[in-house]
Amino acid sequence: KLCDDYLIDYLSENSKYCFFSIEPLINYIFLKQYETQMLRTIYHAKLNNLTKEEIKQNLRKQYV
């Protein structure tokens, strides 16, 4: 979880100002995978009847 949070911070800070390179594309792909991972976590938590507080503890940092 800490590694994912660090990576999100790094990508969001360093790829803001690069327009004509590969960084925005890599950032987009990584963030889409990250978003699907969060949706899977929420879906499985709902199937296992976890409360909202327990689900929030399991989620990673939001990038938006």
PDB file of N, CA and C in Angstrom:
ATOM      1  N   LYS A   1       0.827  -1.187   0.000  1.00  0.00           N
ATOM      2  CA  LYS A   1       0.000   0.000   0.000  1.00  0.00           C
ATOM      3  C   LYS A   1       0.871   1.250   0.000  1.00  0.00           C
ATOM      4  N   LEU A   2       1.909   1.265   0.806  1.00  0.00           N
ATOM      5  CA  LEU A   2       2.792   2.432   0.853  1.00  0.00           C
ATOM      6  C   LEU A   2       3.533   2.639  -0.462  1.00  0.00           C
ATOM      7  N   CYS A   3       3.917   1.555  -1.071  1.00  0.00           N
ATOM      8  CA  CYS A   3       4.606   1.643  -2.359  1.00  0.00           C
ATOM      9  C   CYS A   3       3.682   2.225  -3.426  1.00  0.00           C
ATOM     10  N   ASP A   4       2.442   1.786  -3.455  1.00  0.00           N
ATOM     11  CA  ASP A   4       1.475   2.316  -4.412  1.00  0.00           C
ATOM     12  C   ASP A   4       1.214   3.801  -4.174  1.00  0.00           C
ATOM     13  N   ASP A   5       1.101   4.199  -2.912  1.00  0.00           N
ATOM     14  CA  ASP A   5       0.883   5.609  -2.595  1.00  0.00           C
ATOM     15  C   ASP A   5       2.068   6.465  -3.038  1.00  0.00           C
ATOM     16  N   TYR A   6       3.274   5.962  -2.803  1.00  0.00           N
ATOM     17  CA  TYR A   6       4.463   6.698  -3.229  1.00  0.00           C
ATOM     18  C   TYR A   6       4.511   6.822  -4.752  1.00  0.00           C
ATOM     19  N   LEU A   7       4.193   5.756  -5.445  1.00  0.00           N
ATOM     20  CA  LEU A   7       4.216   5.769  -6.902  1.00  0.00           C
ATOM     21  C   LEU A   7       3.183   6.735  -7.467  1.00  0.00           C
ATOM     22  N   ILE A   8       2.019   6.800  -6.857  1.00  0.00           N
ATOM     23  CA  ILE A   8       0.994   7.745  -7.294  1.00  0.00           C
ATOM     24  C   ILE A   8       1.474   9.178  -7.103  1.00  0.00           C
ATOM     25  N   ASP A   9       2.076   9.467  -5.965  1.00  0.00           N
ATOM     26  CA  ASP A   9       2.608  10.809  -5.730  1.00  0.00           C
ATOM     27  C   ASP A   9       3.693  11.161  -6.744  1.00  0.00           C
ATOM     28  N   TYR A  10       4.572  10.219  -6.987  1.00  0.00           N
ATOM     29  CA  TYR A  10       5.666  10.455  -7.924  1.00  0.00           C
ATOM     30  C   TYR A  10       5.146  10.700  -9.337  1.00  0.00           C
ATOM     31  N   LEU A  11       4.228   9.885  -9.787  1.00  0.00           N
ATOM     32  CA  LEU A  11       3.703  10.043 -11.138  1.00  0.00           C
ATOM     33  C   LEU A  11       2.905  11.324 -11.297  1.00  0.00           C
ATOM     34  N   SER A  12       2.132  11.662 -10.297  1.00  0.00           N
ATOM     35  CA  SER A  12       1.308  12.862 -10.427  1.00  0.00           C
ATOM     36  C   SER A  12       2.158  14.132 -10.402  1.00  0.00           C
ATOM     37  N   GLU A  13       3.268  14.128  -9.680  1.00  0.00           N
ATOM     38  CA  GLU A  13       4.114  15.315  -9.612  1.00  0.00           C
ATOM     39  C   GLU A  13       5.032  15.444 -10.830  1.00  0.00           C
ATOM     40  N   ASN A  14       5.591  14.360 -11.285  1.00  0.00           N
ATOM     41  CA  ASN A  14       6.616  14.432 -12.321  1.00  0.00           C
ATOM     42  C   ASN A  14       6.085  14.394 -13.742  1.00  0.00           C
ATOM     43  N   SER A  15       4.886  13.966 -13.945  1.00  0.00           N
ATOM     44  CA  SER A  15       4.402  13.880 -15.326  1.00  0.00           C
ATOM     45  C   SER A  15       3.461  15.021 -15.686  1.00  0.00           C
ATOM     46  N   LYS A  16       3.297  15.975 -14.813  1.00  0.00           N
ATOM     47  CA  LYS A  16       2.409  17.104 -15.113  1.00  0.00           C
ATOM     48  C   LYS A  16       2.979  18.008 -16.196  1.00  0.00           C
ATOM     49  N   TYR A  17       4.272  18.161 -16.225  1.00  0.00           N
ATOM     50  CA  TYR A  17       4.893  19.149 -17.090  1.00  0.00           C
ATOM     51  C   TYR A  17       5.577  18.557 -18.312  1.00  0.00           C
ATOM     52  N   CYS A  18       5.466  17.285 -18.510  1.00  0.00           N
ATOM     53  CA  CYS A  18       6.033  16.637 -19.692  1.00  0.00           C
ATOM     54  C   CYS A  18       4.906  16.354 -20.669  1.00  0.00           C
ATOM     55  N   PHE A  19       4.907  17.051 -21.784  1.00  0.00           N
ATOM     56  CA  PHE A  19       3.816  16.896 -22.729  1.00  0.00           C
ATOM     57  C   PHE A  19       4.194  16.033 -23.930  1.00  0.00           C
ATOM     58  N   PHE A  20       5.414  16.119 -24.372  1.00  0.00           N
ATOM     59  CA  PHE A  20       5.816  15.442 -25.596  1.00  0.00           C
ATOM     60  C   PHE A  20       6.833  14.338 -25.323  1.00  0.00           C
ATOM     61  N   SER A  21       6.490  13.494 -24.389  1.00  0.00           N
ATOM     62  CA  SER A  21       7.358  12.364 -24.087  1.00  0.00           C
ATOM     63  C   SER A  21       6.488  11.165 -23.710  1.00  0.00           C
ATOM     64  N   ILE A  22       7.100  10.125 -23.230  1.00  0.00           N
ATOM     65  CA  ILE A  22       6.387   8.893 -22.930  1.00  0.00           C
ATOM     66  C   ILE A  22       5.746   8.913 -21.545  1.00  0.00           C
ATOM     67  N   GLU A  23       6.155   9.836 -20.672  1.00  0.00           N
ATOM     68  CA  GLU A  23       5.663   9.851 -19.293  1.00  0.00           C
ATOM     69  C   GLU A  23       4.147   9.981 -19.172  1.00  0.00           C
ATOM     70  N   PRO A  24       3.485  10.859 -19.932  1.00  0.00           N
ATOM     71  CA  PRO A  24       2.025  10.924 -19.795  1.00  0.00           C
ATOM     72  C   PRO A  24       1.312   9.634 -20.200  1.00  0.00           C
ATOM     73  N   LEU A  25       1.834   8.951 -21.185  1.00  0.00           N
ATOM     74  CA  LEU A  25       1.241   7.687 -21.617  1.00  0.00           C
ATOM     75  C   LEU A  25       1.413   6.611 -20.540  1.00  0.00           C
ATOM     76  N   ILE A  26       2.596   6.528 -19.974  1.00  0.00           N
ATOM     77  CA  ILE A  26       2.833   5.564 -18.895  1.00  0.00           C
ATOM     78  C   ILE A  26       1.977   5.897 -17.689  1.00  0.00           C
ATOM     79  N   ASN A  27       1.862   7.170 -17.377  1.00  0.00           N
ATOM     80  CA  ASN A  27       1.034   7.614 -16.265  1.00  0.00           C
ATOM     81  C   ASN A  27      -0.426   7.223 -16.489  1.00  0.00           C
ATOM     82  N   TYR A  28      -0.923   7.420 -17.689  1.00  0.00           N
ATOM     83  CA  TYR A  28      -2.305   7.073 -18.015  1.00  0.00           C
ATOM     84  C   TYR A  28      -2.550   5.573 -17.860  1.00  0.00           C
ATOM     85  N   ILE A  29      -1.665   4.775 -18.381  1.00  0.00           N
ATOM     86  CA  ILE A  29      -1.820   3.320 -18.307  1.00  0.00           C
ATOM     87  C   ILE A  29      -1.765   2.843 -16.858  1.00  0.00           C
ATOM     88  N   PHE A  30      -0.805   3.357 -16.111  1.00  0.00           N
ATOM     89  CA  PHE A  30      -0.684   2.953 -14.718  1.00  0.00           C
ATOM     90  C   PHE A  30      -1.919   3.363 -13.922  1.00  0.00           C
ATOM     91  N   LEU A  31      -2.419   4.567 -14.129  1.00  0.00           N
ATOM     92  CA  LEU A  31      -3.572   5.038 -13.364  1.00  0.00           C
ATOM     93  C   LEU A  31      -4.850   4.275 -13.728  1.00  0.00           C
ATOM     94  N   LYS A  32      -4.972   3.836 -14.958  1.00  0.00           N
ATOM     95  CA  LYS A  32      -6.134   3.015 -15.323  1.00  0.00           C
ATOM     96  C   LYS A  32      -6.061   1.646 -14.641  1.00  0.00           C
ATOM     97  N   GLN A  33      -4.889   1.063 -14.574  1.00  0.00           N
ATOM     98  CA  GLN A  33      -4.727  -0.199 -13.854  1.00  0.00           C
ATOM     99  C   GLN A  33      -4.999  -0.015 -12.368  1.00  0.00           C
ATOM    100  N   TYR A  34      -4.550   1.086 -11.849  1.00  0.00           N
ATOM    101  CA  TYR A  34      -4.764   1.414 -10.438  1.00  0.00           C
ATOM    102  C   TYR A  34      -6.252   1.570 -10.140  1.00  0.00           C
ATOM    103  N   GLU A  35      -6.955   2.215 -11.047  1.00  0.00           N
ATOM    104  CA  GLU A  35      -8.395   2.409 -10.872  1.00  0.00           C
ATOM    105  C   GLU A  35      -9.146   1.081 -10.912  1.00  0.00           C
ATOM    106  N   THR A  36      -8.792   0.195 -11.816  1.00  0.00           N
ATOM    107  CA  THR A  36      -9.454  -1.111 -11.863  1.00  0.00           C
ATOM    108  C   THR A  36      -9.136  -1.936 -10.619  1.00  0.00           C
ATOM    109  N   GLN A  37      -7.934  -1.785 -10.096  1.00  0.00           N
ATOM    110  CA  GLN A  37      -7.574  -2.485  -8.863  1.00  0.00           C
ATOM    111  C   GLN A  37      -8.427  -1.985  -7.693  1.00  0.00           C
ATOM    112  N   MET A  38      -8.674  -0.694  -7.619  1.00  0.00           N
ATOM    113  CA  MET A  38      -9.516  -0.145  -6.560  1.00  0.00           C
ATOM    114  C   MET A  38     -10.961  -0.615  -6.713  1.00  0.00           C
ATOM    115  N   LEU A  39     -11.453  -0.675  -7.948  1.00  0.00           N
ATOM    116  CA  LEU A  39     -12.810  -1.163  -8.171  1.00  0.00           C
ATOM    117  C   LEU A  39     -12.953  -2.628  -7.785  1.00  0.00           C
ATOM    118  N   ARG A  40     -11.944  -3.429  -8.080  1.00  0.00           N
ATOM    119  CA  ARG A  40     -11.973  -4.840  -7.675  1.00  0.00           C
ATOM    120  C   ARG A  40     -11.990  -4.980  -6.163  1.00  0.00           C
ATOM    121  N   THR A  41     -11.203  -4.150  -5.491  1.00  0.00           N
ATOM    122  CA  THR A  41     -11.162  -4.187  -4.035  1.00  0.00           C
ATOM    123  C   THR A  41     -12.523  -3.856  -3.446  1.00  0.00           C
ATOM    124  N   ILE A  42     -13.164  -2.840  -3.984  1.00  0.00           N
ATOM    125  CA  ILE A  42     -14.494  -2.449  -3.498  1.00  0.00           C
ATOM    126  C   ILE A  42     -15.504  -3.554  -3.777  1.00  0.00           C
ATOM    127  N   TYR A  43     -15.432  -4.131  -4.963  1.00  0.00           N
ATOM    128  CA  TYR A  43     -16.378  -5.186  -5.339  1.00  0.00           C
ATOM    129  C   TYR A  43     -16.249  -6.402  -4.420  1.00  0.00           C
ATOM    130  N   HIS A  44     -15.016  -6.833  -4.164  1.00  0.00           N
ATOM    131  CA  HIS A  44     -14.814  -7.988  -3.291  1.00  0.00           C
ATOM    132  C   HIS A  44     -15.205  -7.682  -1.850  1.00  0.00           C
ATOM    133  N   ALA A  45     -14.979  -6.467  -1.428  1.00  0.00           N
ATOM    134  CA  ALA A  45     -15.371  -6.084  -0.070  1.00  0.00           C
ATOM    135  C   ALA A  45     -16.891  -6.096   0.071  1.00  0.00           C
ATOM    136  N   LYS A  46     -17.585  -5.640  -0.962  1.00  0.00           N
ATOM    137  CA  LYS A  46     -19.055  -5.668  -0.925  1.00  0.00           C
ATOM    138  C   LYS A  46     -19.573  -7.103  -0.919  1.00  0.00           C
ATOM    139  N   LEU A  47     -18.921  -7.981  -1.655  1.00  0.00           N
ATOM    140  CA  LEU A  47     -19.336  -9.381  -1.659  1.00  0.00           C
ATOM    141  C   LEU A  47     -19.125 -10.039  -0.301  1.00  0.00           C
ATOM    142  N   ASN A  48     -18.113  -9.586   0.430  1.00  0.00           N
ATOM    143  CA  ASN A  48     -17.824 -10.155   1.742  1.00  0.00           C
ATOM    144  C   ASN A  48     -18.507  -9.409   2.875  1.00  0.00           C
ATOM    145  N   ASN A  49     -19.412  -8.508   2.534  1.00  0.00           N
ATOM    146  CA  ASN A  49     -20.222  -7.754   3.502  1.00  0.00           C
ATOM    147  C   ASN A  49     -19.374  -6.962   4.501  1.00  0.00           C
ATOM    148  N   LEU A  50     -18.375  -6.273   4.021  1.00  0.00           N
ATOM    149  CA  LEU A  50     -17.572  -5.410   4.879  1.00  0.00           C
ATOM    150  C   LEU A  50     -18.245  -4.044   5.016  1.00  0.00           C
ATOM    151  N   THR A  51     -17.983  -3.367   6.111  1.00  0.00           N
ATOM    152  CA  THR A  51     -18.564  -2.040   6.308  1.00  0.00           C
ATOM    153  C   THR A  51     -17.768  -1.004   5.512  1.00  0.00           C
ATOM    154  N   LYS A  52     -18.336   0.202   5.414  1.00  0.00           N
ATOM    155  CA  LYS A  52     -17.673   1.258   4.654  1.00  0.00           C
ATOM    156  C   LYS A  52     -16.333   1.642   5.265  1.00  0.00           C
ATOM    157  N   GLU A  53     -16.243   1.627   6.586  1.00  0.00           N
ATOM    158  CA  GLU A  53     -14.996   1.982   7.246  1.00  0.00           C
ATOM    159  C   GLU A  53     -13.897   0.970   6.944  1.00  0.00           C
ATOM    160  N   GLU A  54     -14.263  -0.302   6.912  1.00  0.00           N
ATOM    161  CA  GLU A  54     -13.282  -1.338   6.591  1.00  0.00           C
ATOM    162  C   GLU A  54     -12.834  -1.238   5.137  1.00  0.00           C
ATOM    163  N   ILE A  55     -13.754  -0.879   4.263  1.00  0.00           N
ATOM    164  CA  ILE A  55     -13.399  -0.720   2.849  1.00  0.00           C
ATOM    165  C   ILE A  55     -12.451   0.458   2.683  1.00  0.00           C
ATOM    166  N   LYS A  56     -12.713   1.559   3.359  1.00  0.00           N
ATOM    167  CA  LYS A  56     -11.852   2.734   3.253  1.00  0.00           C
ATOM    168  C   LYS A  56     -10.443   2.454   3.759  1.00  0.00           C
ATOM    169  N   GLN A  57     -10.312   1.604   4.755  1.00  0.00           N
ATOM    170  CA  GLN A  57      -8.989   1.257   5.266  1.00  0.00           C
ATOM    171  C   GLN A  57      -8.191   0.465   4.241  1.00  0.00           C
ATOM    172  N   ASN A  58      -8.865  -0.323   3.431  1.00  0.00           N
ATOM    173  CA  ASN A  58      -8.178  -1.159   2.440  1.00  0.00           C
ATOM    174  C   ASN A  58      -7.841  -0.439   1.152  1.00  0.00           C
ATOM    175  N   LEU A  59      -8.461   0.698   0.902  1.00  0.00           N
ATOM    176  CA  LEU A  59      -8.205   1.419  -0.345  1.00  0.00           C
ATOM    177  C   LEU A  59      -6.906   2.204  -0.261  1.00  0.00           C
ATOM    178  N   ARG A  60      -6.340   2.428  -1.435  1.00  0.00           N
ATOM    179  CA  ARG A  60      -5.126   3.218  -1.509  1.00  0.00           C
ATOM    180  C   ARG A  60      -5.458   4.686  -1.720  1.00  0.00           C
ATOM    181  N   LYS A  61      -4.428   5.475  -1.852  1.00  0.00           N
ATOM    182  CA  LYS A  61      -4.589   6.917  -2.030  1.00  0.00           C
ATOM    183  C   LYS A  61      -5.261   7.206  -3.375  1.00  0.00           C
ATOM    184  N   GLN A  62      -6.137   8.184  -3.380  1.00  0.00           N
ATOM    185  CA  GLN A  62      -6.786   8.571  -4.629  1.00  0.00           C
ATOM    186  C   GLN A  62      -5.930   9.568  -5.365  1.00  0.00           C
ATOM    187  N   TYR A  63      -5.883   9.450  -6.679  1.00  0.00           N
ATOM    188  CA  TYR A  63      -5.001  10.288  -7.460  1.00  0.00           C
ATOM    189  C   TYR A  63      -5.684  11.511  -8.020  1.00  0.00           C
ATOM    190  N   VAL A  64      -6.981  11.602  -7.911  1.00  0.00           N
ATOM    191  CA  VAL A  64      -7.701  12.757  -8.470  1.00  0.00           C
ATOM    192  C   VAL A  64      -7.787  13.858  -7.466  1.00  0.00           C
TER     193      VAL A  64
END
